[in-house]
N, C-alpha and C. Protein backbone atom coordinates (compact mmCIF):
# COMPACT_ATOMS: atom_id res chain seq x y z
N MET A 1 0.85 -1.19 0.00
CA MET A 1 0.00 0.00 0.00
C MET A 1 0.89 1.24 0.00
N GLN A 2 0.54 2.18 -0.80
CA GLN A 2 1.36 3.38 -0.95
C GLN A 2 1.01 4.37 0.15
N SER A 3 1.98 4.98 0.77
CA SER A 3 1.77 5.95 1.84
C SER A 3 1.41 7.29 1.23
N MET A 4 0.31 7.91 1.75
CA MET A 4 -0.14 9.19 1.22
C MET A 4 0.25 10.34 2.13
N GLY A 5 0.75 10.07 3.30
CA GLY A 5 1.10 11.14 4.21
C GLY A 5 2.26 10.74 5.07
N ASN A 6 2.40 11.39 6.17
CA ASN A 6 3.53 11.10 7.03
C ASN A 6 3.16 10.22 8.21
N GLU A 7 1.95 9.68 8.26
CA GLU A 7 1.56 8.76 9.32
C GLU A 7 1.45 7.35 8.77
N PRO A 8 1.62 6.35 9.62
CA PRO A 8 1.46 4.97 9.16
C PRO A 8 0.04 4.73 8.65
N GLY A 9 -0.13 3.92 7.67
CA GLY A 9 -1.44 3.62 7.13
C GLY A 9 -1.86 4.59 6.05
N GLY A 10 -1.04 5.54 5.69
CA GLY A 10 -1.34 6.46 4.61
C GLY A 10 -2.19 7.65 4.99
N ARG A 11 -2.51 7.82 6.28
CA ARG A 11 -3.31 9.00 6.68
C ARG A 11 -2.43 10.21 6.81
N MET A 12 -2.98 11.34 6.49
CA MET A 12 -2.22 12.59 6.64
C MET A 12 -2.39 13.08 8.07
N GLY A 13 -1.33 13.53 8.67
CA GLY A 13 -1.40 14.08 10.01
C GLY A 13 -2.00 15.48 9.99
N VAL A 14 -2.31 15.99 11.16
CA VAL A 14 -2.91 17.33 11.29
C VAL A 14 -1.99 18.38 10.68
N ALA A 15 -0.71 18.26 10.95
CA ALA A 15 0.24 19.23 10.40
C ALA A 15 0.27 19.16 8.89
N SER A 16 0.19 17.97 8.34
CA SER A 16 0.21 17.82 6.88
C SER A 16 -1.03 18.41 6.26
N VAL A 17 -2.19 18.20 6.89
CA VAL A 17 -3.44 18.76 6.39
C VAL A 17 -3.37 20.28 6.43
N GLY A 18 -2.86 20.82 7.52
CA GLY A 18 -2.74 22.27 7.65
C GLY A 18 -1.84 22.85 6.58
N ARG A 19 -0.70 22.18 6.32
CA ARG A 19 0.22 22.66 5.27
C ARG A 19 -0.42 22.57 3.90
N ALA A 20 -1.18 21.48 3.66
CA ALA A 20 -1.83 21.31 2.36
C ALA A 20 -2.89 22.38 2.15
N ALA A 21 -3.68 22.67 3.19
CA ALA A 21 -4.72 23.68 3.06
C ALA A 21 -4.10 25.06 2.87
N THR A 22 -3.01 25.34 3.59
CA THR A 22 -2.35 26.63 3.47
C THR A 22 -1.76 26.81 2.08
N ALA A 23 -1.27 25.74 1.49
CA ALA A 23 -0.69 25.83 0.15
C ALA A 23 -1.75 26.18 -0.88
N LEU A 24 -2.99 25.81 -0.64
CA LEU A 24 -4.06 26.09 -1.59
C LEU A 24 -4.68 27.47 -1.39
N MET A 25 -4.46 28.13 -0.26
CA MET A 25 -5.08 29.42 0.06
C MET A 25 -4.37 30.55 -0.66
N PRO A 26 -5.10 31.52 -1.16
CA PRO A 26 -4.45 32.71 -1.70
C PRO A 26 -3.71 33.44 -0.58
N ALA A 27 -2.73 34.21 -0.93
CA ALA A 27 -1.88 34.90 0.05
C ALA A 27 -2.68 35.81 0.96
N ALA A 28 -3.64 36.56 0.41
CA ALA A 28 -4.42 37.50 1.23
C ALA A 28 -5.27 36.75 2.26
N ALA A 29 -5.87 35.65 1.84
CA ALA A 29 -6.68 34.88 2.76
C ALA A 29 -5.82 34.27 3.85
N GLU A 30 -4.62 33.86 3.49
CA GLU A 30 -3.69 33.29 4.47
C GLU A 30 -3.31 34.32 5.51
N ARG A 31 -3.03 35.55 5.06
CA ARG A 31 -2.66 36.62 6.01
C ARG A 31 -3.83 36.93 6.93
N ALA A 32 -5.05 36.97 6.38
CA ALA A 32 -6.22 37.27 7.21
C ALA A 32 -6.45 36.18 8.24
N ALA A 33 -6.28 34.92 7.82
CA ALA A 33 -6.49 33.82 8.75
C ALA A 33 -5.46 33.84 9.86
N SER A 34 -4.21 34.11 9.53
CA SER A 34 -3.18 34.14 10.57
C SER A 34 -3.34 35.36 11.46
N ALA A 35 -3.79 36.47 10.92
CA ALA A 35 -4.00 37.67 11.74
C ALA A 35 -5.12 37.44 12.74
N ALA A 36 -6.18 36.73 12.31
CA ALA A 36 -7.30 36.46 13.21
C ALA A 36 -6.86 35.59 14.38
N VAL A 37 -5.91 34.71 14.14
CA VAL A 37 -5.42 33.84 15.21
C VAL A 37 -4.49 34.60 16.14
N LEU A 38 -3.67 35.48 15.59
CA LEU A 38 -2.64 36.16 16.38
C LEU A 38 -3.16 37.37 17.14
N GLU A 39 -4.15 38.08 16.58
CA GLU A 39 -4.63 39.31 17.22
C GLU A 39 -5.61 38.97 18.33
N PRO A 40 -5.53 39.67 19.46
CA PRO A 40 -6.48 39.42 20.54
C PRO A 40 -7.87 39.94 20.15
N ALA A 41 -8.88 39.40 20.77
CA ALA A 41 -10.25 39.84 20.49
C ALA A 41 -10.40 41.31 20.88
N VAL A 42 -11.16 42.04 20.10
CA VAL A 42 -11.41 43.45 20.37
C VAL A 42 -12.48 43.54 21.45
N HIS A 43 -12.20 44.27 22.51
CA HIS A 43 -13.15 44.45 23.59
C HIS A 43 -13.84 45.79 23.39
N LEU A 44 -15.12 45.75 23.03
CA LEU A 44 -15.88 46.97 22.80
C LEU A 44 -16.35 47.54 24.13
N THR A 45 -16.42 48.85 24.19
CA THR A 45 -17.01 49.49 25.36
C THR A 45 -18.52 49.57 25.15
N PHE A 46 -19.23 49.91 26.20
CA PHE A 46 -20.68 50.07 26.08
C PHE A 46 -21.00 51.18 25.07
N ASP A 47 -20.26 52.28 25.14
CA ASP A 47 -20.49 53.39 24.21
C ASP A 47 -20.28 52.95 22.76
N ASP A 48 -19.23 52.16 22.52
CA ASP A 48 -18.98 51.65 21.17
C ASP A 48 -20.15 50.80 20.68
N THR A 49 -20.62 49.94 21.55
CA THR A 49 -21.72 49.03 21.18
C THR A 49 -22.99 49.81 20.90
N LEU A 50 -23.32 50.76 21.77
CA LEU A 50 -24.54 51.53 21.56
C LEU A 50 -24.41 52.44 20.34
N SER A 51 -23.23 52.98 20.09
CA SER A 51 -23.02 53.80 18.89
C SER A 51 -23.19 52.96 17.64
N ARG A 52 -22.72 51.74 17.69
CA ARG A 52 -22.77 50.86 16.52
C ARG A 52 -24.19 50.37 16.24
N HIS A 53 -24.97 50.07 17.27
CA HIS A 53 -26.27 49.43 17.07
C HIS A 53 -27.46 50.25 17.55
N GLY A 54 -27.22 51.41 18.15
CA GLY A 54 -28.30 52.18 18.75
C GLY A 54 -29.38 52.63 17.78
N ALA A 55 -28.99 53.14 16.62
CA ALA A 55 -29.99 53.62 15.64
C ALA A 55 -30.86 52.47 15.17
N GLU A 56 -30.26 51.33 14.99
CA GLU A 56 -30.99 50.14 14.54
C GLU A 56 -31.99 49.69 15.61
N ILE A 57 -31.59 49.74 16.87
CA ILE A 57 -32.47 49.36 17.97
C ILE A 57 -33.62 50.36 18.09
N TYR A 58 -33.33 51.64 17.89
CA TYR A 58 -34.39 52.65 17.94
C TYR A 58 -35.41 52.41 16.82
N ARG A 59 -34.92 52.15 15.60
CA ARG A 59 -35.83 51.89 14.48
C ARG A 59 -36.70 50.66 14.76
N TYR A 60 -36.12 49.66 15.40
CA TYR A 60 -36.87 48.46 15.76
C TYR A 60 -38.01 48.83 16.73
N ALA A 61 -37.71 49.60 17.75
CA ALA A 61 -38.73 50.02 18.72
C ALA A 61 -39.79 50.88 18.04
N LEU A 62 -39.36 51.76 17.16
CA LEU A 62 -40.31 52.62 16.44
C LEU A 62 -41.22 51.79 15.54
N HIS A 63 -40.65 50.81 14.87
CA HIS A 63 -41.43 49.94 13.99
C HIS A 63 -42.50 49.19 14.78
N LEU A 64 -42.14 48.70 15.95
CA LEU A 64 -43.09 47.90 16.73
C LEU A 64 -44.11 48.74 17.48
N THR A 65 -43.78 49.98 17.82
CA THR A 65 -44.73 50.82 18.56
C THR A 65 -45.51 51.76 17.64
N ARG A 66 -44.90 52.11 16.51
CA ARG A 66 -45.48 53.08 15.55
C ARG A 66 -45.79 54.41 16.24
N ASN A 67 -44.92 54.76 17.17
CA ASN A 67 -45.18 55.93 18.01
C ASN A 67 -43.83 56.44 18.52
N ARG A 68 -43.42 57.63 18.08
CA ARG A 68 -42.11 58.16 18.45
C ARG A 68 -41.90 58.35 19.96
N PRO A 69 -42.85 58.95 20.68
CA PRO A 69 -42.61 59.12 22.12
C PRO A 69 -42.43 57.78 22.85
N ASP A 70 -43.21 56.78 22.49
CA ASP A 70 -43.05 55.47 23.14
C ASP A 70 -41.76 54.80 22.69
N ALA A 71 -41.40 54.94 21.42
CA ALA A 71 -40.14 54.37 20.93
C ALA A 71 -38.96 55.04 21.65
N ASP A 72 -39.05 56.36 21.87
CA ASP A 72 -38.00 57.06 22.61
C ASP A 72 -37.85 56.47 24.01
N ASP A 73 -38.98 56.29 24.69
CA ASP A 73 -38.96 55.74 26.05
C ASP A 73 -38.38 54.32 26.06
N LEU A 74 -38.81 53.51 25.11
CA LEU A 74 -38.34 52.12 25.07
C LEU A 74 -36.86 52.04 24.71
N TYR A 75 -36.41 52.90 23.81
CA TYR A 75 -34.99 52.93 23.47
C TYR A 75 -34.16 53.33 24.69
N GLN A 76 -34.62 54.34 25.40
CA GLN A 76 -33.90 54.80 26.59
C GLN A 76 -33.87 53.70 27.65
N GLU A 77 -34.98 53.01 27.82
CA GLU A 77 -35.03 51.92 28.80
C GLU A 77 -34.13 50.76 28.37
N THR A 78 -34.06 50.49 27.07
CA THR A 78 -33.16 49.45 26.54
C THR A 78 -31.71 49.81 26.86
N ALA A 79 -31.34 51.06 26.58
CA ALA A 79 -29.97 51.50 26.84
C ALA A 79 -29.65 51.41 28.34
N LEU A 80 -30.59 51.79 29.17
CA LEU A 80 -30.37 51.75 30.61
C LEU A 80 -30.21 50.31 31.11
N LYS A 81 -31.09 49.41 30.68
CA LYS A 81 -30.97 48.01 31.09
C LYS A 81 -29.67 47.40 30.59
N ALA A 82 -29.29 47.72 29.36
CA ALA A 82 -28.05 47.19 28.81
C ALA A 82 -26.85 47.71 29.59
N PHE A 83 -26.87 48.99 29.93
CA PHE A 83 -25.77 49.57 30.69
C PHE A 83 -25.63 48.90 32.05
N ARG A 84 -26.76 48.68 32.70
CA ARG A 84 -26.72 48.06 34.03
C ARG A 84 -26.23 46.61 33.98
N ALA A 85 -26.46 45.93 32.86
CA ALA A 85 -26.06 44.52 32.75
C ALA A 85 -24.75 44.34 32.00
N TRP A 86 -24.14 45.41 31.54
CA TRP A 86 -22.94 45.33 30.71
C TRP A 86 -21.84 44.49 31.35
N HIS A 87 -21.64 44.65 32.64
CA HIS A 87 -20.55 43.94 33.31
C HIS A 87 -20.76 42.42 33.35
N ARG A 88 -21.99 41.96 33.15
CA ARG A 88 -22.27 40.52 33.15
C ARG A 88 -22.18 39.91 31.75
N LEU A 89 -22.05 40.73 30.72
CA LEU A 89 -22.02 40.23 29.35
C LEU A 89 -20.64 39.73 29.00
N PRO A 90 -20.52 38.49 28.51
CA PRO A 90 -19.20 37.99 28.10
C PRO A 90 -18.65 38.81 26.94
N CYS A 91 -17.34 38.95 26.88
CA CYS A 91 -16.69 39.75 25.83
C CYS A 91 -16.98 39.22 24.43
N ASP A 92 -17.15 37.91 24.31
CA ASP A 92 -17.37 37.34 22.99
C ASP A 92 -18.84 37.23 22.62
N ALA A 93 -19.73 37.86 23.40
CA ALA A 93 -21.16 37.79 23.13
C ALA A 93 -21.52 38.60 21.89
N ASN A 94 -22.65 38.27 21.32
CA ASN A 94 -23.18 39.00 20.18
C ASN A 94 -23.93 40.22 20.74
N HIS A 95 -23.26 41.36 20.74
CA HIS A 95 -23.83 42.57 21.36
C HIS A 95 -25.11 43.02 20.68
N ARG A 96 -25.14 42.91 19.37
CA ARG A 96 -26.32 43.33 18.61
C ARG A 96 -27.53 42.48 19.00
N ALA A 97 -27.37 41.18 19.01
CA ALA A 97 -28.46 40.29 19.38
C ALA A 97 -28.90 40.53 20.83
N TRP A 98 -27.94 40.79 21.68
CA TRP A 98 -28.24 41.06 23.09
C TRP A 98 -29.10 42.32 23.23
N LEU A 99 -28.73 43.38 22.52
CA LEU A 99 -29.53 44.62 22.56
C LEU A 99 -30.93 44.40 21.99
N TYR A 100 -31.00 43.64 20.88
CA TYR A 100 -32.31 43.34 20.31
C TYR A 100 -33.18 42.56 21.29
N ARG A 101 -32.61 41.62 22.02
CA ARG A 101 -33.38 40.83 22.98
C ARG A 101 -33.92 41.73 24.09
N ILE A 102 -33.10 42.63 24.58
CA ILE A 102 -33.56 43.56 25.61
C ILE A 102 -34.70 44.42 25.07
N ALA A 103 -34.51 44.98 23.89
CA ALA A 103 -35.54 45.84 23.28
C ALA A 103 -36.81 45.04 23.03
N HIS A 104 -36.66 43.83 22.51
CA HIS A 104 -37.83 42.99 22.22
C HIS A 104 -38.63 42.72 23.49
N ASN A 105 -37.95 42.36 24.56
CA ASN A 105 -38.64 42.08 25.83
C ASN A 105 -39.36 43.32 26.35
N LEU A 106 -38.71 44.47 26.24
CA LEU A 106 -39.35 45.71 26.71
C LEU A 106 -40.57 46.07 25.87
N VAL A 107 -40.47 45.89 24.55
CA VAL A 107 -41.61 46.18 23.67
C VAL A 107 -42.76 45.20 23.96
N ALA A 108 -42.44 43.93 24.19
CA ALA A 108 -43.48 42.96 24.53
C ALA A 108 -44.18 43.35 25.83
N ASN A 109 -43.43 43.78 26.83
CA ASN A 109 -44.03 44.24 28.09
C ASN A 109 -44.88 45.47 27.85
N TRP A 110 -44.40 46.38 27.00
CA TRP A 110 -45.13 47.60 26.69
C TRP A 110 -46.48 47.26 26.05
N HIS A 111 -46.48 46.35 25.08
CA HIS A 111 -47.74 45.95 24.44
C HIS A 111 -48.68 45.29 25.44
N ARG A 112 -48.15 44.44 26.29
CA ARG A 112 -48.99 43.76 27.28
C ARG A 112 -49.59 44.77 28.26
N ASP A 113 -48.76 45.69 28.75
CA ASP A 113 -49.25 46.71 29.68
C ASP A 113 -50.27 47.62 29.01
N ARG A 114 -50.02 47.95 27.77
CA ARG A 114 -50.93 48.83 27.04
C ARG A 114 -52.29 48.16 26.84
N SER A 115 -52.30 46.86 26.61
CA SER A 115 -53.57 46.16 26.41
C SER A 115 -54.37 46.08 27.71
N ARG A 116 -53.71 46.23 28.84
CA ARG A 116 -54.39 46.18 30.13
C ARG A 116 -54.93 47.53 30.57
N ARG A 117 -54.50 48.59 29.93
CA ARG A 117 -54.94 49.93 30.33
C ARG A 117 -56.39 50.15 29.93
N LYS A 118 -57.08 50.82 30.80
CA LYS A 118 -58.45 51.22 30.47
C LYS A 118 -58.37 52.59 29.82
N VAL A 119 -58.94 52.70 28.63
CA VAL A 119 -58.92 53.96 27.90
C VAL A 119 -60.32 54.54 27.92
N ILE A 120 -60.41 55.79 28.30
CA ILE A 120 -61.68 56.50 28.32
C ILE A 120 -61.65 57.54 27.21
N SER A 121 -62.62 57.49 26.34
CA SER A 121 -62.65 58.45 25.24
C SER A 121 -63.03 59.84 25.75
N LEU A 122 -62.65 60.85 24.97
CA LEU A 122 -63.01 62.21 25.34
C LEU A 122 -64.52 62.41 25.35
N GLU A 123 -65.22 61.68 24.49
CA GLU A 123 -66.68 61.78 24.48
C GLU A 123 -67.27 61.27 25.80
N ASP A 124 -66.73 60.15 26.29
CA ASP A 124 -67.19 59.63 27.58
C ASP A 124 -66.85 60.59 28.71
N LEU A 125 -65.69 61.20 28.62
CA LEU A 125 -65.27 62.15 29.64
C LEU A 125 -66.18 63.38 29.65
N SER A 126 -66.64 63.78 28.47
CA SER A 126 -67.49 64.97 28.40
C SER A 126 -68.87 64.69 29.00
N ARG A 127 -69.26 63.43 29.13
CA ARG A 127 -70.54 63.07 29.75
C ARG A 127 -70.34 62.69 31.22
N TRP A 128 -69.36 63.28 31.85
CA TRP A 128 -69.04 63.01 33.24
C TRP A 128 -70.28 63.18 34.11
N HIS A 129 -70.44 62.31 35.05
CA HIS A 129 -71.63 62.33 35.90
C HIS A 129 -71.67 63.63 36.72
N VAL A 130 -72.81 64.26 36.70
CA VAL A 130 -73.01 65.49 37.47
C VAL A 130 -73.48 65.11 38.86
N SER A 131 -72.84 65.72 39.84
CA SER A 131 -73.13 65.42 41.24
C SER A 131 -74.50 65.95 41.63
N GLU A 132 -75.12 65.22 42.54
CA GLU A 132 -76.42 65.66 43.07
C GLU A 132 -76.26 66.25 44.46
N ASP A 133 -75.02 66.67 44.80
CA ASP A 133 -74.74 67.21 46.12
C ASP A 133 -75.10 68.69 46.23
N GLY A 134 -75.59 69.27 45.23
CA GLY A 134 -75.96 70.67 45.28
C GLY A 134 -75.32 71.45 44.16
N PRO A 135 -75.74 72.69 43.99
CA PRO A 135 -75.26 73.50 42.87
C PRO A 135 -73.77 73.84 42.96
N GLU A 136 -73.24 74.02 44.16
CA GLU A 136 -71.81 74.34 44.28
C GLU A 136 -70.95 73.17 43.85
N ALA A 137 -71.27 71.95 44.29
CA ALA A 137 -70.51 70.75 43.92
C ALA A 137 -70.61 70.51 42.42
N THR A 138 -71.81 70.74 41.87
CA THR A 138 -72.00 70.57 40.43
C THR A 138 -71.16 71.57 39.65
N ALA A 139 -71.10 72.81 40.11
CA ALA A 139 -70.31 73.85 39.43
C ALA A 139 -68.82 73.52 39.51
N LEU A 140 -68.36 73.08 40.68
CA LEU A 140 -66.95 72.71 40.82
C LEU A 140 -66.59 71.53 39.93
N LEU A 141 -67.46 70.54 39.86
CA LEU A 141 -67.23 69.38 39.01
C LEU A 141 -67.18 69.78 37.54
N ALA A 142 -68.07 70.64 37.12
CA ALA A 142 -68.09 71.10 35.73
C ALA A 142 -66.82 71.90 35.41
N GLU A 143 -66.38 72.71 36.37
CA GLU A 143 -65.15 73.48 36.17
C GLU A 143 -63.93 72.56 36.07
N ASP A 144 -63.87 71.56 36.96
CA ASP A 144 -62.76 70.60 36.91
C ASP A 144 -62.76 69.83 35.59
N ARG A 145 -63.95 69.44 35.16
CA ARG A 145 -64.06 68.69 33.90
C ARG A 145 -63.59 69.54 32.73
N ALA A 146 -63.99 70.80 32.70
CA ALA A 146 -63.59 71.69 31.60
C ALA A 146 -62.08 71.91 31.61
N THR A 147 -61.48 72.08 32.80
CA THR A 147 -60.03 72.26 32.90
C THR A 147 -59.30 71.00 32.42
N LEU A 148 -59.79 69.86 32.81
CA LEU A 148 -59.18 68.59 32.40
C LEU A 148 -59.29 68.39 30.88
N LEU A 149 -60.44 68.66 30.32
CA LEU A 149 -60.62 68.52 28.88
C LEU A 149 -59.69 69.45 28.09
N ARG A 150 -59.54 70.68 28.56
CA ARG A 150 -58.62 71.62 27.89
C ARG A 150 -57.19 71.09 27.92
N ALA A 151 -56.78 70.56 29.07
CA ALA A 151 -55.43 70.03 29.20
C ALA A 151 -55.22 68.82 28.30
N VAL A 152 -56.20 67.93 28.24
CA VAL A 152 -56.08 66.75 27.39
C VAL A 152 -56.03 67.14 25.92
N ARG A 153 -56.81 68.10 25.52
CA ARG A 153 -56.83 68.52 24.11
C ARG A 153 -55.54 69.21 23.68
N ARG A 154 -54.76 69.73 24.64
CA ARG A 154 -53.46 70.33 24.30
C ARG A 154 -52.39 69.26 24.05
N LEU A 155 -52.64 68.05 24.46
CA LEU A 155 -51.68 66.96 24.25
C LEU A 155 -51.66 66.53 22.79
N PRO A 156 -50.56 65.91 22.33
CA PRO A 156 -50.56 65.34 20.98
C PRO A 156 -51.66 64.28 20.87
N ALA A 157 -52.16 64.07 19.67
CA ALA A 157 -53.30 63.17 19.45
C ALA A 157 -53.05 61.77 20.01
N ASP A 158 -51.82 61.26 19.86
CA ASP A 158 -51.54 59.90 20.33
C ASP A 158 -51.42 59.82 21.85
N ARG A 159 -51.43 60.95 22.52
CA ARG A 159 -51.34 60.97 23.99
C ARG A 159 -52.66 61.38 24.64
N GLN A 160 -53.70 61.55 23.87
CA GLN A 160 -54.97 61.98 24.42
C GLN A 160 -55.79 60.78 24.89
N GLU A 161 -55.20 60.04 25.81
CA GLU A 161 -55.89 58.89 26.42
C GLU A 161 -55.96 59.12 27.91
N TRP A 162 -57.00 58.68 28.50
CA TRP A 162 -57.22 58.81 29.93
C TRP A 162 -57.09 57.42 30.53
N HIS A 163 -56.13 57.22 31.42
CA HIS A 163 -55.90 55.89 31.99
C HIS A 163 -56.33 55.84 33.42
């Protein structure tokens, strides 16, 4: 039986396979492969990670909420939670996926909480029950109702909900 490598039985050893593969690689690919082995892993700071992926995370929150003020709040909460947990994240973790998971969980909580809120329409608010405690109580209630309605109407349309 003819020997094909440097080990008994004709098998190529690990070193022989490595040399054979290296001989077939273009020079640029060989340099990149050796550089990846020799260079230490890059340790990103929290600021680097948020700068790199922050706009993408904000767009994700905006897409899921369809509401800029809520997307702003969720993005800020995502950044805060990520900052607080940064020291527990392994250096070799996928930072982008980690930020997306935090944002996704916060958006899911936001949707769940929002579905639990009781919303009162402005029309229902305008039919507020008038007190039978006398004319003074009725006048005060009407004045309070009018003040509240004016304040609610000054809010942006997406914030004109009564919880």
